[in-house]
Amino acid sequence: MCERQARGHCHRTHCHKVALPVRNKKFNAAKESSTALLARATSIGSFYIWGEIMSNSGLVILVLAVVLGFYLAAIYNRLVTLKNRYQNAFAQIENQLKRRYDLIPNLVETAKAYLNHERETLESVVSARNSAAQALTNAQQNPGASGQMSSLSGAENNLAEALGRFNLVVEAYPELKANDTMAQLSEELSSTENKVAFARQAFNDAVTEYNAYRERFPQILVAASLGHSASAELLEFADSAAIQQPPKVSF
């Protein structure tokens, strides 16, 4: 009861008017407090949602990185497999060429007794053989490399020309052709020539497969960064067109 009521000078309506502003202040304070709590809750909720989005994005990036890593590994392994294939094929060429280089000195030595006046021809064969053997030694360090394959091709072509001239000379000496040792060496050389031709065909096929895979998309974009920056080179001899019909050496 207010003082005015105690004195009997106040009506009830006047007291209500005095108490109303106090109630309004309390209501406004409660409203402001609720608004602040709602804003805070909204802020916390937004932060949580953003955190979830970032977390999911990180997971997606991680998954994509793993998939990309596996894909690059698959490309790398395929390139290595194809490179090993043509290098192994070159090893077969190497074996046959070495066998050929071993036969040629014996062939020349046997012919010396009959070709006293053909010293220049014999020396050209030996010189060409030595150059080819050195070119092979260089090529076997990095089969398929452009410079080494070109050098070996040139040396082999020179040797083929020297043997061709030697063959023409031998044709003029029937007694030399009839020599048993000469006949045996000629047969072995012919067999080796055929094996070289087939081994070279296998090598060139393997090189072609490697180059075709490396130059396709998307391998061409990443091959250099994976250690395969250049295409392999074919091994072309002067008788390349005759590979389907292997050369025969007859004396």
C-alpha atoms as a PDB file:
ATOM      1  CA  MET A   1       0.000   0.000   0.000  1.00  0.00           C
ATOM      2  CA  CYS A   2       1.385   3.363  -0.967  1.00  0.00           C
ATOM      3  CA  GLU A   3       1.571   6.401   1.277  1.00  0.00           C
ATOM      4  CA  ARG A   4      -1.325   8.087  -0.432  1.00  0.00           C
ATOM      5  CA  GLN A   5      -3.508   5.060   0.149  1.00  0.00           C
ATOM      6  CA  ALA A   6      -2.535   4.991   3.802  1.00  0.00           C
ATOM      7  CA  ARG A   7      -3.618   8.550   4.131  1.00  0.00           C
ATOM      8  CA  GLY A   8      -6.763   7.839   2.235  1.00  0.00           C
ATOM      9  CA  HIS A   9      -5.910  10.367  -0.403  1.00  0.00           C
ATOM     10  CA  CYS A  10      -5.198   7.913  -3.236  1.00  0.00           C
ATOM     11  CA  HIS A  11      -7.344   5.930  -5.580  1.00  0.00           C
ATOM     12  CA  ARG A  12      -6.378   2.380  -6.778  1.00  0.00           C
ATOM     13  CA  THR A  13      -5.956   3.451 -10.425  1.00  0.00           C
ATOM     14  CA  HIS A  14      -3.230   5.896  -9.552  1.00  0.00           C
ATOM     15  CA  CYS A  15      -1.123   3.160  -7.889  1.00  0.00           C
ATOM     16  CA  HIS A  16      -1.454   0.985 -10.951  1.00  0.00           C
ATOM     17  CA  LYS A  17      -0.105   3.813 -13.089  1.00  0.00           C
ATOM     18  CA  VAL A  18       2.895   4.137 -10.828  1.00  0.00           C
ATOM     19  CA  ALA A  19       3.722   0.370 -10.928  1.00  0.00           C
ATOM     20  CA  LEU A  20       3.332   0.006 -14.731  1.00  0.00           C
ATOM     21  CA  PRO A  21       6.665   1.600 -15.796  1.00  0.00           C
ATOM     22  CA  VAL A  22       8.516  -0.711 -13.426  1.00  0.00           C
ATOM     23  CA  ARG A  23       6.952  -3.768 -15.038  1.00  0.00           C
ATOM     24  CA  ASN A  24       7.746  -2.472 -18.545  1.00  0.00           C
ATOM     25  CA  LYS A  25      11.395  -2.066 -17.640  1.00  0.00           C
ATOM     26  CA  LYS A  26      11.579  -5.652 -16.399  1.00  0.00           C
ATOM     27  CA  PHE A  27       9.886  -6.920 -19.569  1.00  0.00           C
ATOM     28  CA  ASN A  28      12.231  -4.984 -21.838  1.00  0.00           C
ATOM     29  CA  ALA A  29      15.252  -6.267 -19.911  1.00  0.00           C
ATOM     30  CA  ALA A  30      14.029  -9.838 -20.258  1.00  0.00           C
ATOM     31  CA  LYS A  31      13.363  -9.298 -23.958  1.00  0.00           C
ATOM     32  CA  GLU A  32      16.843  -7.879 -24.525  1.00  0.00           C
ATOM     33  CA  SER A  33      18.359 -10.799 -22.628  1.00  0.00           C
ATOM     34  CA  SER A  34      16.419 -13.299 -24.772  1.00  0.00           C
ATOM     35  CA  THR A  35      17.511 -11.523 -27.958  1.00  0.00           C
ATOM     36  CA  ALA A  36      21.148 -11.638 -26.867  1.00  0.00           C
ATOM     37  CA  LEU A  37      20.902 -15.332 -26.039  1.00  0.00           C
ATOM     38  CA  LEU A  38      19.278 -16.019 -29.410  1.00  0.00           C
ATOM     39  CA  ALA A  39      21.992 -14.068 -31.243  1.00  0.00           C
ATOM     40  CA  ARG A  40      24.672 -15.927 -29.341  1.00  0.00           C
ATOM     41  CA  ALA A  41      23.062 -19.275 -30.087  1.00  0.00           C
ATOM     42  CA  THR A  42      22.789 -18.340 -33.765  1.00  0.00           C
ATOM     43  CA  SER A  43      26.461 -17.350 -33.831  1.00  0.00           C
ATOM     44  CA  ILE A  44      27.502 -20.607 -32.178  1.00  0.00           C
ATOM     45  CA  GLY A  45      25.337 -22.590 -34.587  1.00  0.00           C
ATOM     46  CA  SER A  46      26.796 -20.827 -37.622  1.00  0.00           C
ATOM     47  CA  PHE A  47      30.315 -21.462 -36.380  1.00  0.00           C
ATOM     48  CA  TYR A  48      29.517 -25.134 -35.856  1.00  0.00           C
ATOM     49  CA  ILE A  49      27.992 -25.476 -39.330  1.00  0.00           C
ATOM     50  CA  TRP A  50      30.978 -23.709 -40.911  1.00  0.00           C
ATOM     51  CA  GLY A  51      33.306 -26.005 -39.009  1.00  0.00           C
ATOM     52  CA  GLU A  52      31.429 -29.031 -40.322  1.00  0.00           C
ATOM     53  CA  ILE A  53      31.661 -27.710 -43.875  1.00  0.00           C
ATOM     54  CA  MET A  54      35.392 -27.120 -43.564  1.00  0.00           C
ATOM     55  CA  SER A  55      35.873 -30.532 -42.024  1.00  0.00           C
ATOM     56  CA  ASN A  56      33.997 -32.218 -44.876  1.00  0.00           C
ATOM     57  CA  SER A  57      35.928 -30.175 -47.475  1.00  0.00           C
ATOM     58  CA  GLY A  58      39.201 -31.294 -45.944  1.00  0.00           C
ATOM     59  CA  LEU A  59      38.065 -34.891 -46.116  1.00  0.00           C
ATOM     60  CA  VAL A  60      37.096 -34.515 -49.779  1.00  0.00           C
ATOM     61  CA  ILE A  61      40.486 -32.963 -50.590  1.00  0.00           C
ATOM     62  CA  LEU A  62      42.248 -35.779 -48.767  1.00  0.00           C
ATOM     63  CA  VAL A  63      40.289 -38.418 -50.689  1.00  0.00           C
ATOM     64  CA  LEU A  64      41.025 -36.690 -54.015  1.00  0.00           C
ATOM     65  CA  ALA A  65      44.725 -36.484 -53.140  1.00  0.00           C
ATOM     66  CA  VAL A  66      44.833 -40.208 -52.347  1.00  0.00           C
ATOM     67  CA  VAL A  67      43.025 -41.093 -55.597  1.00  0.00           C
ATOM     68  CA  LEU A  68      45.382 -38.858 -57.590  1.00  0.00           C
ATOM     69  CA  GLY A  69      48.377 -40.453 -55.894  1.00  0.00           C
ATOM     70  CA  PHE A  70      47.220 -43.953 -56.810  1.00  0.00           C
ATOM     71  CA  TYR A  71      46.535 -42.855 -60.394  1.00  0.00           C
ATOM     72  CA  LEU A  72      50.002 -41.336 -60.780  1.00  0.00           C
ATOM     73  CA  ALA A  73      51.530 -44.478 -59.279  1.00  0.00           C
ATOM     74  CA  ALA A  74      49.653 -46.582 -61.844  1.00  0.00           C
ATOM     75  CA  ILE A  75      50.965 -44.422 -64.705  1.00  0.00           C
ATOM     76  CA  TYR A  76      54.507 -44.604 -63.348  1.00  0.00           C
ATOM     77  CA  ASN A  77      54.389 -48.383 -62.949  1.00  0.00           C
ATOM     78  CA  ARG A  78      53.077 -48.804 -66.488  1.00  0.00           C
ATOM     79  CA  LEU A  79      55.831 -46.602 -67.907  1.00  0.00           C
ATOM     80  CA  VAL A  80      58.463 -48.565 -65.995  1.00  0.00           C
ATOM     81  CA  THR A  81      57.018 -51.869 -67.214  1.00  0.00           C
ATOM     82  CA  LEU A  82      57.055 -50.770 -70.854  1.00  0.00           C
ATOM     83  CA  LYS A  83      60.557 -49.335 -70.551  1.00  0.00           C
ATOM     84  CA  ASN A  84      61.848 -52.555 -69.015  1.00  0.00           C
ATOM     85  CA  ARG A  85      60.242 -54.445 -71.870  1.00  0.00           C
ATOM     86  CA  TYR A  86      62.134 -52.624 -74.615  1.00  0.00           C
ATOM     87  CA  GLN A  87      65.355 -52.663 -72.592  1.00  0.00           C
ATOM     88  CA  ASN A  88      65.063 -56.426 -72.219  1.00  0.00           C
ATOM     89  CA  ALA A  89      64.428 -56.673 -75.952  1.00  0.00           C
ATOM     90  CA  PHE A  90      67.587 -54.665 -76.582  1.00  0.00           C
ATOM     91  CA  ALA A  91      69.528 -57.142 -74.450  1.00  0.00           C
ATOM     92  CA  GLN A  92      68.616 -59.806 -77.012  1.00  0.00           C
ATOM     93  CA  ILE A  93      69.958 -57.600 -79.811  1.00  0.00           C
ATOM     94  CA  GLU A  94      73.112 -57.077 -77.795  1.00  0.00           C
ATOM     95  CA  ASN A  95      73.659 -60.814 -77.401  1.00  0.00           C
ATOM     96  CA  GLN A  96      73.284 -61.493 -81.105  1.00  0.00           C
ATOM     97  CA  LEU A  97      75.431 -58.559 -82.194  1.00  0.00           C
ATOM     98  CA  LYS A  98      78.217 -59.628 -79.854  1.00  0.00           C
ATOM     99  CA  ARG A  99      78.045 -63.094 -81.353  1.00  0.00           C
ATOM    100  CA  ARG A 100      78.283 -61.523 -84.798  1.00  0.00           C
ATOM    101  CA  TYR A 101      81.268 -59.406 -83.791  1.00  0.00           C
ATOM    102  CA  ASP A 102      83.011 -62.536 -82.512  1.00  0.00           C
ATOM    103  CA  LEU A 103      82.496 -64.350 -85.807  1.00  0.00           C
ATOM    104  CA  ILE A 104      83.780 -61.608 -88.093  1.00  0.00           C
ATOM    105  CA  PRO A 105      87.479 -61.714 -87.014  1.00  0.00           C
ATOM    106  CA  ASN A 106      87.478 -65.487 -87.520  1.00  0.00           C
ATOM    107  CA  LEU A 107      85.938 -64.991 -90.930  1.00  0.00           C
ATOM    108  CA  VAL A 108      88.597 -62.458 -91.914  1.00  0.00           C
ATOM    109  CA  GLU A 109      91.406 -64.603 -90.536  1.00  0.00           C
ATOM    110  CA  THR A 110      90.251 -67.569 -92.597  1.00  0.00           C
ATOM    111  CA  ALA A 111      90.039 -65.449 -95.746  1.00  0.00           C
ATOM    112  CA  LYS A 112      93.524 -63.984 -95.357  1.00  0.00           C
ATOM    113  CA  ALA A 113      95.220 -67.069 -96.799  1.00  0.00           C
ATOM    114  CA  TYR A 114      93.271 -66.635-100.030  1.00  0.00           C
ATOM    115  CA  LEU A 115      92.965 -62.843-100.255  1.00  0.00           C
ATOM    116  CA  ASN A 116      96.557 -61.663-100.265  1.00  0.00           C
ATOM    117  CA  HIS A 117      95.718 -58.872-102.682  1.00  0.00           C
ATOM    118  CA  GLU A 118      92.542 -57.741-100.880  1.00  0.00           C
ATOM    119  CA  ARG A 119      94.131 -56.342 -97.758  1.00  0.00           C
ATOM    120  CA  GLU A 120      92.164 -53.098 -97.930  1.00  0.00           C
ATOM    121  CA  THR A 121      88.872 -54.980 -98.064  1.00  0.00           C
ATOM    122  CA  LEU A 122      89.785 -57.093 -95.047  1.00  0.00           C
ATOM    123  CA  GLU A 123      90.959 -54.089 -93.036  1.00  0.00           C
ATOM    124  CA  SER A 124      87.758 -52.177 -93.788  1.00  0.00           C
ATOM    125  CA  VAL A 125      85.716 -55.086 -92.419  1.00  0.00           C
ATOM    126  CA  VAL A 126      87.778 -55.222 -89.222  1.00  0.00           C
ATOM    127  CA  SER A 127      87.616 -51.445 -88.753  1.00  0.00           C
ATOM    128  CA  ALA A 128      83.853 -51.359 -89.296  1.00  0.00           C
ATOM    129  CA  ARG A 129      83.428 -54.269 -86.884  1.00  0.00           C
ATOM    130  CA  ASN A 130      85.411 -52.457 -84.159  1.00  0.00           C
ATOM    131  CA  SER A 131      83.404 -49.252 -84.609  1.00  0.00           C
ATOM    132  CA  ALA A 132      80.137 -51.169 -84.377  1.00  0.00           C
ATOM    133  CA  ALA A 133      81.303 -52.975 -81.231  1.00  0.00           C
ATOM    134  CA  GLN A 134      82.128 -49.637 -79.581  1.00  0.00           C
ATOM    135  CA  ALA A 135      78.773 -48.180 -80.604  1.00  0.00           C
ATOM    136  CA  LEU A 136      77.046 -51.188 -79.044  1.00  0.00           C
ATOM    137  CA  THR A 137      78.971 -50.686 -75.795  1.00  0.00           C
ATOM    138  CA  ASN A 138      77.751 -47.089 -75.673  1.00  0.00           C
ATOM    139  CA  ALA A 139      74.180 -48.004 -76.573  1.00  0.00           C
ATOM    140  CA  GLN A 140      73.820 -50.668 -73.915  1.00  0.00           C
ATOM    141  CA  GLN A 141      74.336 -47.996 -71.245  1.00  0.00           C
ATOM    142  CA  ASN A 142      71.009 -46.422 -72.159  1.00  0.00           C
ATOM    143  CA  PRO A 143      68.984 -48.450 -74.687  1.00  0.00           C
ATOM    144  CA  GLY A 144      66.477 -46.345 -76.574  1.00  0.00           C
ATOM    145  CA  ALA A 145      68.365 -43.067 -76.116  1.00  0.00           C
ATOM    146  CA  SER A 146      68.383 -40.977 -79.275  1.00  0.00           C
ATOM    147  CA  GLY A 147      72.136 -40.438 -79.672  1.00  0.00           C
ATOM    148  CA  GLN A 148      73.167 -44.003 -78.882  1.00  0.00           C
ATOM    149  CA  MET A 149      70.626 -45.605 -81.208  1.00  0.00           C
ATOM    150  CA  SER A 150      71.626 -43.336 -84.088  1.00  0.00           C
ATOM    151  CA  SER A 151      75.314 -44.095 -83.569  1.00  0.00           C
ATOM    152  CA  LEU A 152      74.694 -47.830 -83.436  1.00  0.00           C
ATOM    153  CA  SER A 153      72.549 -47.685 -86.560  1.00  0.00           C
ATOM    154  CA  GLY A 154      75.233 -45.793 -88.458  1.00  0.00           C
ATOM    155  CA  ALA A 155      77.985 -48.162 -87.326  1.00  0.00           C
ATOM    156  CA  GLU A 156      75.934 -51.230 -88.253  1.00  0.00           C
ATOM    157  CA  ASN A 157      75.154 -49.803 -91.671  1.00  0.00           C
ATOM    158  CA  ASN A 158      78.867 -49.216 -92.288  1.00  0.00           C
ATOM    159  CA  LEU A 159      79.619 -52.778 -91.212  1.00  0.00           C
ATOM    160  CA  ALA A 160      76.931 -54.129 -93.531  1.00  0.00           C
ATOM    161  CA  GLU A 161      78.493 -52.239 -96.447  1.00  0.00           C
ATOM    162  CA  ALA A 162      81.971 -53.553 -95.597  1.00  0.00           C
ATOM    163  CA  LEU A 163      80.660 -57.123 -95.404  1.00  0.00           C
ATOM    164  CA  GLY A 164      78.897 -56.597 -98.711  1.00  0.00           C
ATOM    165  CA  ARG A 165      82.179 -55.668-100.402  1.00  0.00           C
ATOM    166  CA  PHE A 166      83.861 -58.610 -98.692  1.00  0.00           C
ATOM    167  CA  ASN A 167      81.164 -60.916-100.029  1.00  0.00           C
ATOM    168  CA  LEU A 168      81.752 -59.715-103.588  1.00  0.00           C
ATOM    169  CA  VAL A 169      85.460 -60.427-103.263  1.00  0.00           C
ATOM    170  CA  VAL A 170      84.863 -63.919-101.857  1.00  0.00           C
ATOM    171  CA  GLU A 171      82.612 -64.738-104.814  1.00  0.00           C
ATOM    172  CA  ALA A 172      85.666 -64.447-107.051  1.00  0.00           C
ATOM    173  CA  TYR A 173      87.561 -67.153-105.126  1.00  0.00           C
ATOM    174  CA  PRO A 174      85.854 -70.569-105.512  1.00  0.00           C
ATOM    175  CA  GLU A 175      88.498 -72.276-103.398  1.00  0.00           C
ATOM    176  CA  LEU A 176      87.732 -69.936-100.487  1.00  0.00           C
ATOM    177  CA  LYS A 177      84.014 -70.571-100.814  1.00  0.00           C
ATOM    178  CA  ALA A 178      84.680 -74.311-100.700  1.00  0.00           C
ATOM    179  CA  ASN A 179      86.765 -74.092 -97.523  1.00  0.00           C
ATOM    180  CA  ASP A 180      85.051 -76.019 -94.703  1.00  0.00           C
ATOM    181  CA  THR A 181      85.891 -73.453 -92.031  1.00  0.00           C
ATOM    182  CA  MET A 182      84.664 -70.646 -94.245  1.00  0.00           C
ATOM    183  CA  ALA A 183      81.449 -72.517 -94.966  1.00  0.00           C
ATOM    184  CA  GLN A 184      80.816 -73.108 -91.258  1.00  0.00           C
ATOM    185  CA  LEU A 185      81.519 -69.499 -90.323  1.00  0.00           C
ATOM    186  CA  SER A 186      79.264 -68.305 -93.132  1.00  0.00           C
ATOM    187  CA  GLU A 187      76.432 -70.488 -91.863  1.00  0.00           C
ATOM    188  CA  GLU A 188      76.831 -69.227 -88.300  1.00  0.00           C
ATOM    189  CA  LEU A 189      76.980 -65.635 -89.473  1.00  0.00           C
ATOM    190  CA  SER A 190      73.819 -66.114 -91.539  1.00  0.00           C
ATOM    191  CA  SER A 191      71.978 -67.574 -88.551  1.00  0.00           C
ATOM    192  CA  THR A 192      73.145 -64.718 -86.342  1.00  0.00           C
ATOM    193  CA  GLU A 193      72.015 -62.119 -88.883  1.00  0.00           C
ATOM    194  CA  ASN A 194      68.539 -63.626 -88.863  1.00  0.00           C
ATOM    195  CA  LYS A 195      68.407 -63.545 -85.053  1.00  0.00           C
ATOM    196  CA  VAL A 196      69.548 -59.921 -85.015  1.00  0.00           C
ATOM    197  CA  ALA A 197      66.747 -58.999 -87.406  1.00  0.00           C
ATOM    198  CA  PHE A 198      64.062 -60.683 -85.301  1.00  0.00           C
ATOM    199  CA  ALA A 199      65.458 -59.279 -82.036  1.00  0.00           C
ATOM    200  CA  ARG A 200      65.500 -55.798 -83.538  1.00  0.00           C
ATOM    201  CA  GLN A 201      61.895 -56.175 -84.639  1.00  0.00           C
ATOM    202  CA  ALA A 202      60.896 -57.140 -81.080  1.00  0.00           C
ATOM    203  CA  PHE A 203      62.804 -54.142 -79.713  1.00  0.00           C
ATOM    204  CA  ASN A 204      61.171 -51.712 -82.129  1.00  0.00           C
ATOM    205  CA  ASP A 205      57.724 -53.101 -81.322  1.00  0.00           C
ATOM    206  CA  ALA A 206      58.366 -52.593 -77.595  1.00  0.00           C
ATOM    207  CA  VAL A 207      59.660 -49.060 -78.191  1.00  0.00           C
ATOM    208  CA  THR A 208      56.588 -48.216 -80.258  1.00  0.00           C
ATOM    209  CA  GLU A 209      54.292 -49.437 -77.477  1.00  0.00           C
ATOM    210  CA  TYR A 210      56.179 -47.397 -74.869  1.00  0.00           C
ATOM    211  CA  ASN A 211      56.088 -44.230 -76.966  1.00  0.00           C
ATOM    212  CA  ALA A 212      52.395 -44.631 -77.785  1.00  0.00           C
ATOM    213  CA  TYR A 213      51.468 -44.967 -74.100  1.00  0.00           C
ATOM    214  CA  ARG A 214      53.739 -42.134 -72.977  1.00  0.00           C
ATOM    215  CA  GLU A 215      52.404 -39.704 -75.586  1.00  0.00           C
ATOM    216  CA  ARG A 216      48.730 -40.318 -74.823  1.00  0.00           C
ATOM    217  CA  PHE A 217      46.691 -38.033 -72.542  1.00  0.00           C
ATOM    218  CA  PRO A 218      47.016 -37.661 -69.573  1.00  0.00           C
ATOM    219  CA  GLN A 219      50.381 -39.478 -69.443  1.00  0.00           C
ATOM    220  CA  ILE A 220      52.008 -36.815 -71.618  1.00  0.00           C
ATOM    221  CA  LEU A 221      51.278 -34.234 -68.887  1.00  0.00           C
ATOM    222  CA  VAL A 222      53.072 -36.090 -66.098  1.00  0.00           C
ATOM    223  CA  ALA A 223      55.588 -38.373 -67.850  1.00  0.00           C
ATOM    224  CA  ALA A 224      58.465 -35.899 -67.557  1.00  0.00           C
ATOM    225  CA  SER A 225      57.893 -35.360 -63.829  1.00  0.00           C
ATOM    226  CA  LEU A 226      57.869 -39.145 -63.373  1.00  0.00           C
ATOM    227  CA  GLY A 227      61.304 -39.538 -64.971  1.00  0.00           C
ATOM    228  CA  HIS A 228      60.209 -40.309 -68.543  1.00  0.00           C
ATOM    229  CA  SER A 229      60.917 -37.019 -70.276  1.00  0.00           C
ATOM    230  CA  ALA A 230      61.748 -38.325 -73.756  1.00  0.00           C
ATOM    231  CA  SER A 231      60.454 -40.886 -76.194  1.00  0.00           C
ATOM    232  CA  ALA A 232      62.614 -43.913 -76.955  1.00  0.00           C
ATOM    233  CA  GLU A 233      64.184 -44.190 -80.416  1.00  0.00           C
ATOM    234  CA  LEU A 234      63.781 -47.067 -82.811  1.00  0.00           C
ATOM    235  CA  LEU A 235      66.827 -49.011 -83.954  1.00  0.00           C
ATOM    236  CA  GLU A 236      66.809 -48.690 -87.730  1.00  0.00           C
ATOM    237  CA  PHE A 237      69.344 -50.490 -89.905  1.00  0.00           C
ATOM    238  CA  ALA A 238      69.768 -50.083 -93.647  1.00  0.00           C
ATOM    239  CA  ASP A 239      67.975 -53.392 -94.163  1.00  0.00           C
ATOM    240  CA  SER A 240      64.913 -52.414 -92.096  1.00  0.00           C
ATOM    241  CA  ALA A 241      62.608 -53.154 -94.997  1.00  0.00           C
ATOM    242  CA  ALA A 242      63.970 -56.675 -95.148  1.00  0.00           C
ATOM    243  CA  ILE A 243      63.186 -57.605 -91.551  1.00  0.00           C
ATOM    244  CA  GLN A 244      60.163 -59.593 -92.635  1.00  0.00           C
ATOM    245  CA  GLN A 245      62.529 -61.582 -94.856  1.00  0.00           C
ATOM    246  CA  PRO A 246      65.666 -61.984 -92.718  1.00  0.00           C
ATOM    247  CA  PRO A 247      68.951 -61.434 -94.538  1.00  0.00           C
ATOM    248  CA  LYS A 248      71.035 -64.382 -95.593  1.00  0.00           C
ATOM    249  CA  VAL A 249      74.794 -64.288 -95.875  1.00  0.00           C
ATOM    250  CA  SER A 250      76.329 -66.549 -98.446  1.00  0.00           C
ATOM    251  CA  PHE A 251      79.980 -66.870 -99.410  1.00  0.00           C
END
